[in-house]
Amino acid sequence: MSDVLVEVKDAIGIVTVNRPDKLNSLSSEVRRNLAEAFEKFDNDESIDVCILAGSKSKAFIAGADIKEFSKMKIKNKEEMEKDWRITTVLSNMSKPVIAMIDGFCLGGGLELAMSCDMRLASDSSKLGQPEINIGIIPGAGGTQRLTRLIGEGRAMEMILTGNMITASKAEQYGLVNAIYKSKELKEKTIELAKTISEKSQFAVKKAKVSVKATSEMNLQDGLSYEQERFVECFNSHDGKEGINAFIEKRKPNFKGK
């Protein structure tokens, strides 16, 4: 049985961690297989939007495989970066990625979810960075991405206490975009993915890189970068088609260029 499942629905690529008996924990092999699956989707022109999920269990992804941790040796940050390449792959995807969180989303699981562009969760989900409880700290982006998403004070509390928060509080913090009943979550996630898939994919990609630039540029450089992407969209086939379709009161026929 594969520990990573891949399926395609229309123009939506779904990648599922499939270790339900281990709460979908992330072994080195799973992390490697996830990176390869998402890279393939990113290079597949028939895929518009991707979803990261966990197979049905109590957890979306309960974190890294701690038993494997006890046998591992990590000499330096280069080895760490290579082992957790999946977070970089997710963050650098040209296509939008939605994390579909159902159940415990902890440690490395939350770090993967935060590497995605949006997060939807079931109302029974619990989220946290509990690494401090075993004498370590988040090492795959937890201290950086969590702080950017919810602010320093809240991130500090979650990381220093190791306490989990409810889906409701995660939504209040802005850590998840929306919460749904568990039985509705997949339908709602696919619904969001389809909504994005119906847009100009040329514009979607330009919008994504512009939003991502916010954390890497000062305001003036960011505004300049946004304007450059706007001009590219305005002069594109899809930009012209979208404007004409609006004027002519018809549905646009986007080509992704």
C-alpha atoms as a PDB file:
ATOM      1  CA  MET A   1       0.000   0.000   0.000  1.00  0.00           C
ATOM      2  CA  SER A   2       1.415   3.364  -1.038  1.00  0.00           C
ATOM      3  CA  ASP A   3       2.033   5.894   1.721  1.00  0.00           C
ATOM      4  CA  VAL A   4       1.169   8.741  -0.671  1.00  0.00           C
ATOM      5  CA  LEU A   5      -1.933   8.609  -2.874  1.00  0.00           C
ATOM      6  CA  VAL A   6      -2.443  10.762  -5.963  1.00  0.00           C
ATOM      7  CA  GLU A   7      -5.700  11.459  -7.793  1.00  0.00           C
ATOM      8  CA  VAL A   8      -6.970  13.970 -10.331  1.00  0.00           C
ATOM      9  CA  LYS A   9     -10.534  15.342 -10.432  1.00  0.00           C
ATOM     10  CA  ASP A  10     -11.112  17.570 -13.422  1.00  0.00           C
ATOM     11  CA  ALA A  11      -8.219  20.058 -13.193  1.00  0.00           C
ATOM     12  CA  ILE A  12      -7.630  19.464  -9.459  1.00  0.00           C
ATOM     13  CA  GLY A  13      -4.725  17.355  -8.212  1.00  0.00           C
ATOM     14  CA  ILE A  14      -5.156  15.736  -4.790  1.00  0.00           C
ATOM     15  CA  VAL A  15      -2.189  14.328  -2.841  1.00  0.00           C
ATOM     16  CA  THR A  16      -3.041  12.303   0.281  1.00  0.00           C
ATOM     17  CA  VAL A  17      -0.740  11.094   3.050  1.00  0.00           C
ATOM     18  CA  ASN A  18      -1.831   7.485   3.514  1.00  0.00           C
ATOM     19  CA  ARG A  19      -0.599   6.214   6.893  1.00  0.00           C
ATOM     20  CA  PRO A  20      -3.851   6.103   8.900  1.00  0.00           C
ATOM     21  CA  ASP A  21      -2.475   3.552  11.367  1.00  0.00           C
ATOM     22  CA  LYS A  22       0.319   6.025  12.216  1.00  0.00           C
ATOM     23  CA  LEU A  23      -1.920   9.120  12.250  1.00  0.00           C
ATOM     24  CA  ASN A  24      -0.467  10.040   8.843  1.00  0.00           C
ATOM     25  CA  SER A  25       2.878  10.904  10.416  1.00  0.00           C
ATOM     26  CA  LEU A  26       5.673  12.005   8.113  1.00  0.00           C
ATOM     27  CA  SER A  27       8.593   9.637   7.663  1.00  0.00           C
ATOM     28  CA  SER A  28      11.532  10.685   5.476  1.00  0.00           C
ATOM     29  CA  GLU A  29      10.149   8.492   2.700  1.00  0.00           C
ATOM     30  CA  VAL A  30       6.714  10.114   2.918  1.00  0.00           C
ATOM     31  CA  ARG A  31       8.260  13.580   2.784  1.00  0.00           C
ATOM     32  CA  ARG A  32      10.252  12.584  -0.296  1.00  0.00           C
ATOM     33  CA  ASN A  33       7.226  11.032  -2.013  1.00  0.00           C
ATOM     34  CA  LEU A  34       5.104  14.093  -1.273  1.00  0.00           C
ATOM     35  CA  ALA A  35       7.703  16.394  -2.803  1.00  0.00           C
ATOM     36  CA  GLU A  36       7.854  14.278  -5.946  1.00  0.00           C
ATOM     37  CA  ALA A  37       4.052  14.139  -6.265  1.00  0.00           C
ATOM     38  CA  PHE A  38       3.620  17.899  -5.976  1.00  0.00           C
ATOM     39  CA  GLU A  39       6.484  18.579  -8.373  1.00  0.00           C
ATOM     40  CA  LYS A  40       4.779  16.381 -10.971  1.00  0.00           C
ATOM     41  CA  PHE A  41       1.510  18.259 -10.511  1.00  0.00           C
ATOM     42  CA  ASP A  42       3.289  21.602 -10.797  1.00  0.00           C
ATOM     43  CA  ASN A  43       4.741  20.524 -14.143  1.00  0.00           C
ATOM     44  CA  ASP A  44       1.421  19.138 -15.404  1.00  0.00           C
ATOM     45  CA  GLU A  45      -0.340  21.775 -17.512  1.00  0.00           C
ATOM     46  CA  SER A  46      -3.695  19.996 -17.087  1.00  0.00           C
ATOM     47  CA  ILE A  47      -3.667  20.676 -13.316  1.00  0.00           C
ATOM     48  CA  ASP A  48      -4.822  24.109 -12.102  1.00  0.00           C
ATOM     49  CA  VAL A  49      -5.115  23.686  -8.329  1.00  0.00           C
ATOM     50  CA  CYS A  50      -3.682  21.164  -5.831  1.00  0.00           C
ATOM     51  CA  ILE A  51      -4.971  19.839  -2.502  1.00  0.00           C
ATOM     52  CA  LEU A  52      -2.958  18.296   0.346  1.00  0.00           C
ATOM     53  CA  ALA A  53      -4.950  15.831   2.467  1.00  0.00           C
ATOM     54  CA  GLY A  54      -4.550  13.080   5.017  1.00  0.00           C
ATOM     55  CA  SER A  55      -6.247   9.696   4.756  1.00  0.00           C
ATOM     56  CA  LYS A  56      -9.215   9.157   7.054  1.00  0.00           C
ATOM     57  CA  SER A  57      -8.030   8.780  10.640  1.00  0.00           C
ATOM     58  CA  LYS A  58      -7.920  10.971  13.733  1.00  0.00           C
ATOM     59  CA  ALA A  59      -5.312  13.135  12.061  1.00  0.00           C
ATOM     60  CA  PHE A  60      -4.681  15.212   8.979  1.00  0.00           C
ATOM     61  CA  ILE A  61      -0.956  14.856   9.673  1.00  0.00           C
ATOM     62  CA  ALA A  62       0.060  14.328  13.292  1.00  0.00           C
ATOM     63  CA  GLY A  63       3.639  15.472  12.687  1.00  0.00           C
ATOM     64  CA  ALA A  64       6.945  13.808  11.949  1.00  0.00           C
ATOM     65  CA  ASP A  65       7.530  10.130  12.666  1.00  0.00           C
ATOM     66  CA  ILE A  66       9.053  10.465  16.151  1.00  0.00           C
ATOM     67  CA  LYS A  67      10.195   6.834  16.247  1.00  0.00           C
ATOM     68  CA  GLU A  68      12.243   7.539  13.135  1.00  0.00           C
ATOM     69  CA  PHE A  69      13.602  10.673  14.828  1.00  0.00           C
ATOM     70  CA  SER A  70      15.154   8.523  17.551  1.00  0.00           C
ATOM     71  CA  LYS A  71      17.273   6.739  14.918  1.00  0.00           C
ATOM     72  CA  MET A  72      18.194   9.773  12.827  1.00  0.00           C
ATOM     73  CA  LYS A  73      21.330  11.900  12.812  1.00  0.00           C
ATOM     74  CA  ILE A  74      21.103  15.408  11.398  1.00  0.00           C
ATOM     75  CA  LYS A  75      24.564  16.962  11.116  1.00  0.00           C
ATOM     76  CA  ASN A  76      23.693  20.405   9.799  1.00  0.00           C
ATOM     77  CA  LYS A  77      20.957  22.625   8.414  1.00  0.00           C
ATOM     78  CA  GLU A  78      21.717  21.530   4.836  1.00  0.00           C
ATOM     79  CA  GLU A  79      20.713  17.966   5.724  1.00  0.00           C
ATOM     80  CA  MET A  80      17.593  19.281   7.470  1.00  0.00           C
ATOM     81  CA  GLU A  81      16.668  21.407   4.471  1.00  0.00           C
ATOM     82  CA  LYS A  82      17.089  18.463   2.099  1.00  0.00           C
ATOM     83  CA  ASP A  83      15.067  16.108   4.325  1.00  0.00           C
ATOM     84  CA  TRP A  84      12.183  18.617   4.557  1.00  0.00           C
ATOM     85  CA  ARG A  85      12.333  19.740   0.915  1.00  0.00           C
ATOM     86  CA  ILE A  86       8.556  19.247   0.704  1.00  0.00           C
ATOM     87  CA  THR A  87       7.939  22.565   2.530  1.00  0.00           C
ATOM     88  CA  THR A  88       9.976  24.426  -0.097  1.00  0.00           C
ATOM     89  CA  VAL A  89       8.211  22.567  -2.917  1.00  0.00           C
ATOM     90  CA  LEU A  90       4.792  23.494  -1.524  1.00  0.00           C
ATOM     91  CA  SER A  91       5.737  27.115  -0.882  1.00  0.00           C
ATOM     92  CA  ASN A  92       7.247  27.546  -4.355  1.00  0.00           C
ATOM     93  CA  MET A  93       4.445  25.873  -6.324  1.00  0.00           C
ATOM     94  CA  SER A  94       3.323  28.012  -9.259  1.00  0.00           C
ATOM     95  CA  LYS A  95      -0.215  26.701  -8.703  1.00  0.00           C
ATOM     96  CA  PRO A  96      -2.414  27.318  -5.650  1.00  0.00           C
ATOM     97  CA  VAL A  97      -2.298  24.612  -2.981  1.00  0.00           C
ATOM     98  CA  ILE A  98      -5.058  24.092  -0.403  1.00  0.00           C
ATOM     99  CA  ALA A  99      -4.487  22.115   2.801  1.00  0.00           C
ATOM    100  CA  MET A 100      -7.587  20.096   3.742  1.00  0.00           C
ATOM    101  CA  ILE A 101      -7.205  19.624   7.494  1.00  0.00           C
ATOM    102  CA  ASP A 102      -9.357  16.994   9.180  1.00  0.00           C
ATOM    103  CA  GLY A 103      -8.190  16.014  12.642  1.00  0.00           C
ATOM    104  CA  PHE A 104      -4.867  16.597  14.399  1.00  0.00           C
ATOM    105  CA  CYS A 105      -2.578  18.957  12.490  1.00  0.00           C
ATOM    106  CA  LEU A 106       0.579  19.040  14.569  1.00  0.00           C
ATOM    107  CA  GLY A 107       4.285  19.745  14.272  1.00  0.00           C
ATOM    108  CA  GLY A 108       5.487  18.958  10.785  1.00  0.00           C
ATOM    109  CA  GLY A 109       1.868  18.535   9.714  1.00  0.00           C
ATOM    110  CA  LEU A 110       1.113  22.147  10.583  1.00  0.00           C
ATOM    111  CA  GLU A 111       4.363  23.209   8.929  1.00  0.00           C
ATOM    112  CA  LEU A 112       3.245  21.518   5.701  1.00  0.00           C
ATOM    113  CA  ALA A 113      -0.212  23.089   5.978  1.00  0.00           C
ATOM    114  CA  MET A 114       1.344  26.536   6.467  1.00  0.00           C
ATOM    115  CA  SER A 115       3.495  25.983   3.378  1.00  0.00           C
ATOM    116  CA  CYS A 116       0.250  25.768   1.400  1.00  0.00           C
ATOM    117  CA  ASP A 117      -1.586  28.865   0.196  1.00  0.00           C
ATOM    118  CA  MET A 118      -4.899  28.260   1.978  1.00  0.00           C
ATOM    119  CA  ARG A 119      -6.111  26.044   4.770  1.00  0.00           C
ATOM    120  CA  LEU A 120      -9.624  24.665   5.325  1.00  0.00           C
ATOM    121  CA  ALA A 121     -10.336  22.610   8.435  1.00  0.00           C
ATOM    122  CA  SER A 122     -13.033  20.449   9.981  1.00  0.00           C
ATOM    123  CA  ASP A 123     -14.576  21.848  13.159  1.00  0.00           C
ATOM    124  CA  SER A 124     -13.101  19.020  15.223  1.00  0.00           C
ATOM    125  CA  SER A 125      -9.514  19.643  14.135  1.00  0.00           C
ATOM    126  CA  LYS A 126      -6.740  20.585  16.564  1.00  0.00           C
ATOM    127  CA  LEU A 127      -3.629  22.484  15.468  1.00  0.00           C
ATOM    128  CA  GLY A 128      -0.315  22.982  17.221  1.00  0.00           C
ATOM    129  CA  GLN A 129       3.471  23.041  17.288  1.00  0.00           C
ATOM    130  CA  PRO A 130       4.193  20.672  20.196  1.00  0.00           C
ATOM    131  CA  GLU A 131       7.933  20.207  19.536  1.00  0.00           C
ATOM    132  CA  ILE A 132       8.884  21.994  22.782  1.00  0.00           C
ATOM    133  CA  ASN A 133       7.297  19.085  24.690  1.00  0.00           C
ATOM    134  CA  ILE A 134      10.075  16.744  23.523  1.00  0.00           C
ATOM    135  CA  GLY A 135      12.884  19.251  23.920  1.00  0.00           C
ATOM    136  CA  ILE A 136      13.181  20.540  20.353  1.00  0.00           C
ATOM    137  CA  ILE A 137      11.708  23.379  18.305  1.00  0.00           C
ATOM    138  CA  PRO A 138       9.895  23.547  14.957  1.00  0.00           C
ATOM    139  CA  GLY A 139      12.498  23.141  12.229  1.00  0.00           C
ATOM    140  CA  ALA A 140      10.568  23.107   8.960  1.00  0.00           C
ATOM    141  CA  GLY A 141       9.272  26.658   9.010  1.00  0.00           C
ATOM    142  CA  GLY A 142       7.089  26.623  12.106  1.00  0.00           C
ATOM    143  CA  THR A 143       8.649  29.579  13.912  1.00  0.00           C
ATOM    144  CA  GLN A 144       8.722  31.655  10.725  1.00  0.00           C
ATOM    145  CA  ARG A 145       5.456  30.877   8.924  1.00  0.00           C
ATOM    146  CA  LEU A 146       3.312  30.712  12.071  1.00  0.00           C
ATOM    147  CA  THR A 147       4.562  34.137  13.189  1.00  0.00           C
ATOM    148  CA  ARG A 148       3.850  35.630   9.764  1.00  0.00           C
ATOM    149  CA  LEU A 149       0.347  34.166   9.752  1.00  0.00           C
ATOM    150  CA  ILE A 150      -0.875  34.908  13.272  1.00  0.00           C
ATOM    151  CA  GLY A 151       1.572  37.398  14.787  1.00  0.00           C
ATOM    152  CA  GLU A 152       4.457  37.114  17.213  1.00  0.00           C
ATOM    153  CA  GLY A 153       2.554  36.958  20.497  1.00  0.00           C
ATOM    154  CA  ARG A 154       0.196  34.177  19.488  1.00  0.00           C
ATOM    155  CA  ALA A 155       2.939  32.232  17.707  1.00  0.00           C
ATOM    156  CA  MET A 156       5.193  32.560  20.759  1.00  0.00           C
ATOM    157  CA  GLU A 157       2.463  31.189  23.020  1.00  0.00           C
ATOM    158  CA  MET A 158       1.717  28.211  20.768  1.00  0.00           C
ATOM    159  CA  ILE A 159       5.389  27.327  20.282  1.00  0.00           C
ATOM    160  CA  LEU A 160       6.580  27.871  23.878  1.00  0.00           C
ATOM    161  CA  THR A 161       3.674  26.020  25.520  1.00  0.00           C
ATOM    162  CA  GLY A 162       3.265  23.312  22.885  1.00  0.00           C
ATOM    163  CA  ASN A 163      -0.480  23.579  23.437  1.00  0.00           C
ATOM    164  CA  MET A 164      -2.968  22.763  20.691  1.00  0.00           C
ATOM    165  CA  ILE A 165      -5.673  25.198  19.592  1.00  0.00           C
ATOM    166  CA  THR A 166      -9.137  24.390  18.295  1.00  0.00           C
ATOM    167  CA  ALA A 167     -10.193  24.886  14.696  1.00  0.00           C
ATOM    168  CA  SER A 168     -12.425  27.717  15.877  1.00  0.00           C
ATOM    169  CA  LYS A 169      -9.513  29.542  17.465  1.00  0.00           C
ATOM    170  CA  ALA A 170      -7.339  28.822  14.411  1.00  0.00           C
ATOM    171  CA  GLU A 171      -9.976  30.517  12.261  1.00  0.00           C
ATOM    172  CA  GLN A 172     -10.118  33.439  14.696  1.00  0.00           C
ATOM    173  CA  TYR A 173      -6.312  33.741  14.479  1.00  0.00           C
ATOM    174  CA  GLY A 174      -6.373  33.641  10.677  1.00  0.00           C
ATOM    175  CA  LEU A 175      -4.475  30.352  10.612  1.00  0.00           C
ATOM    176  CA  VAL A 176      -7.271  28.630   8.678  1.00  0.00           C
ATOM    177  CA  ASN A 177      -9.518  30.264   6.083  1.00  0.00           C
ATOM    178  CA  ALA A 178     -12.723  28.477   7.071  1.00  0.00           C
ATOM    179  CA  ILE A 179     -14.048  25.537   9.105  1.00  0.00           C
ATOM    180  CA  TYR A 180     -16.703  23.000   8.141  1.00  0.00           C
ATOM    181  CA  LYS A 181     -18.254  19.799   9.424  1.00  0.00           C
ATOM    182  CA  SER A 182     -15.950  16.865   8.714  1.00  0.00           C
ATOM    183  CA  LYS A 183     -18.446  15.296   6.306  1.00  0.00           C
ATOM    184  CA  GLU A 184     -18.604  18.555   4.295  1.00  0.00           C
ATOM    185  CA  LEU A 185     -14.895  19.353   4.252  1.00  0.00           C
ATOM    186  CA  LYS A 186     -13.838  17.566   1.061  1.00  0.00           C
ATOM    187  CA  GLU A 187     -16.803  18.910  -0.893  1.00  0.00           C
ATOM    188  CA  LYS A 188     -16.097  22.469   0.287  1.00  0.00           C
ATOM    189  CA  THR A 189     -12.379  22.152  -0.451  1.00  0.00           C
ATOM    190  CA  ILE A 190     -13.024  20.908  -3.985  1.00  0.00           C
ATOM    191  CA  GLU A 191     -15.612  23.654  -4.410  1.00  0.00           C
ATOM    192  CA  LEU A 192     -12.974  26.273  -3.551  1.00  0.00           C
ATOM    193  CA  ALA A 193     -10.456  24.605  -5.874  1.00  0.00           C
ATOM    194  CA  LYS A 194     -12.987  24.579  -8.731  1.00  0.00           C
ATOM    195  CA  THR A 195     -13.766  28.259  -8.213  1.00  0.00           C
ATOM    196  CA  ILE A 196     -10.070  29.076  -8.608  1.00  0.00           C
ATOM    197  CA  SER A 197      -9.724  26.657 -11.536  1.00  0.00           C
ATOM    198  CA  GLU A 198     -12.399  28.563 -13.460  1.00  0.00           C
ATOM    199  CA  LYS A 199     -10.335  31.755 -13.417  1.00  0.00           C
ATOM    200  CA  SER A 200      -7.550  32.714 -15.827  1.00  0.00           C
ATOM    201  CA  GLN A 201      -4.643  30.533 -14.746  1.00  0.00           C
ATOM    202  CA  PHE A 202      -2.251  33.111 -16.159  1.00  0.00           C
ATOM    203  CA  ALA A 203      -3.724  35.685 -13.772  1.00  0.00           C
ATOM    204  CA  VAL A 204      -3.919  33.212 -10.874  1.00  0.00           C
ATOM    205  CA  LYS A 205      -0.172  32.555 -11.098  1.00  0.00           C
ATOM    206  CA  LYS A 206       0.638  36.273 -11.301  1.00  0.00           C
ATOM    207  CA  ALA A 207      -1.637  36.993  -8.333  1.00  0.00           C
ATOM    208  CA  LYS A 208      -0.045  34.220  -6.279  1.00  0.00           C
ATOM    209  CA  VAL A 209       3.538  35.421  -6.785  1.00  0.00           C
ATOM    210  CA  SER A 210       2.456  38.988  -6.012  1.00  0.00           C
ATOM    211  CA  VAL A 211       0.900  37.973  -2.689  1.00  0.00           C
ATOM    212  CA  LYS A 212       3.924  35.790  -1.849  1.00  0.00           C
ATOM    213  CA  ALA A 213       6.230  38.771  -2.495  1.00  0.00           C
ATOM    214  CA  THR A 214       4.697  40.594   0.480  1.00  0.00           C
ATOM    215  CA  SER A 215       6.869  38.744   2.998  1.00  0.00           C
ATOM    216  CA  GLU A 216      10.034  39.264   0.973  1.00  0.00           C
ATOM    217  CA  MET A 217       9.829  42.945  -0.082  1.00  0.00           C
ATOM    218  CA  ASN A 218       9.244  46.344   1.449  1.00  0.00           C
ATOM    219  CA  LEU A 219       6.032  48.125   0.464  1.00  0.00           C
ATOM    220  CA  GLN A 220       7.510  50.224  -2.336  1.00  0.00           C
ATOM    221  CA  ASP A 221       9.252  47.268  -3.987  1.00  0.00           C
ATOM    222  CA  GLY A 222       6.112  45.181  -3.528  1.00  0.00           C
ATOM    223  CA  LEU A 223       3.933  47.798  -5.203  1.00  0.00           C
ATOM    224  CA  SER A 224       6.355  47.996  -8.113  1.00  0.00           C
ATOM    225  CA  TYR A 225       6.369  44.195  -8.422  1.00  0.00           C
ATOM    226  CA  GLU A 226       2.563  44.105  -8.379  1.00  0.00           C
ATOM    227  CA  GLN A 227       2.351  46.749 -11.103  1.00  0.00           C
ATOM    228  CA  GLU A 228       4.686  44.718 -13.335  1.00  0.00           C
ATOM    229  CA  ARG A 229       2.485  41.642 -12.918  1.00  0.00           C
ATOM    230  CA  PHE A 230      -0.633  43.746 -13.569  1.00  0.00           C
ATOM    231  CA  VAL A 231       0.798  44.982 -16.879  1.00  0.00           C
ATOM    232  CA  GLU A 232       1.596  41.376 -17.866  1.00  0.00           C
ATOM    233  CA  CYS A 233      -2.008  40.347 -17.142  1.00  0.00           C
ATOM    234  CA  PHE A 234      -3.494  43.425 -18.827  1.00  0.00           C
ATOM    235  CA  ASN A 235      -1.603  42.690 -22.044  1.00  0.00           C
ATOM    236  CA  SER A 236      -2.257  38.934 -21.967  1.00  0.00           C
ATOM    237  CA  HIS A 237      -4.808  37.019 -24.024  1.00  0.00           C
ATOM    238  CA  ASP A 238      -6.811  36.262 -20.875  1.00  0.00           C
ATOM    239  CA  GLY A 239      -6.778  39.902 -19.788  1.00  0.00           C
ATOM    240  CA  LYS A 240      -8.193  41.065 -23.120  1.00  0.00           C
ATOM    241  CA  GLU A 241     -10.687  38.188 -23.200  1.00  0.00           C
ATOM    242  CA  GLY A 242     -11.890  38.844 -19.657  1.00  0.00           C
ATOM    243  CA  ILE A 243     -12.465  42.546 -20.291  1.00  0.00           C
ATOM    244  CA  ASN A 244     -14.290  41.887 -23.565  1.00  0.00           C
ATOM    245  CA  ALA A 245     -16.414  39.158 -22.002  1.00  0.00           C
ATOM    246  CA  PHE A 246     -17.447  41.523 -19.195  1.00  0.00           C
ATOM    247  CA  ILE A 247     -18.471  44.203 -21.693  1.00  0.00           C
ATOM    248  CA  GLU A 248     -20.297  41.664 -23.862  1.00  0.00           C
ATOM    249  CA  LYS A 249     -21.992  40.088 -20.802  1.00  0.00           C
ATOM    250  CA  ARG A 250     -20.750  36.557 -21.525  1.00  0.00           C
ATOM    251  CA  LYS A 251     -18.586  33.995 -19.785  1.00  0.00           C
ATOM    252  CA  PRO A 252     -14.880  34.448 -20.613  1.00  0.00           C
ATOM    253  CA  ASN A 253     -13.001  31.751 -22.504  1.00  0.00           C
ATOM    254  CA  PHE A 254      -9.638  31.811 -20.758  1.00  0.00           C
ATOM    255  CA  LYS A 255      -6.630  30.102 -22.362  1.00  0.00           C
ATOM    256  CA  GLY A 256      -4.125  30.440 -19.542  1.00  0.00           C
ATOM    257  CA  LYS A 257      -1.918  32.822 -21.497  1.00  0.00           C
END
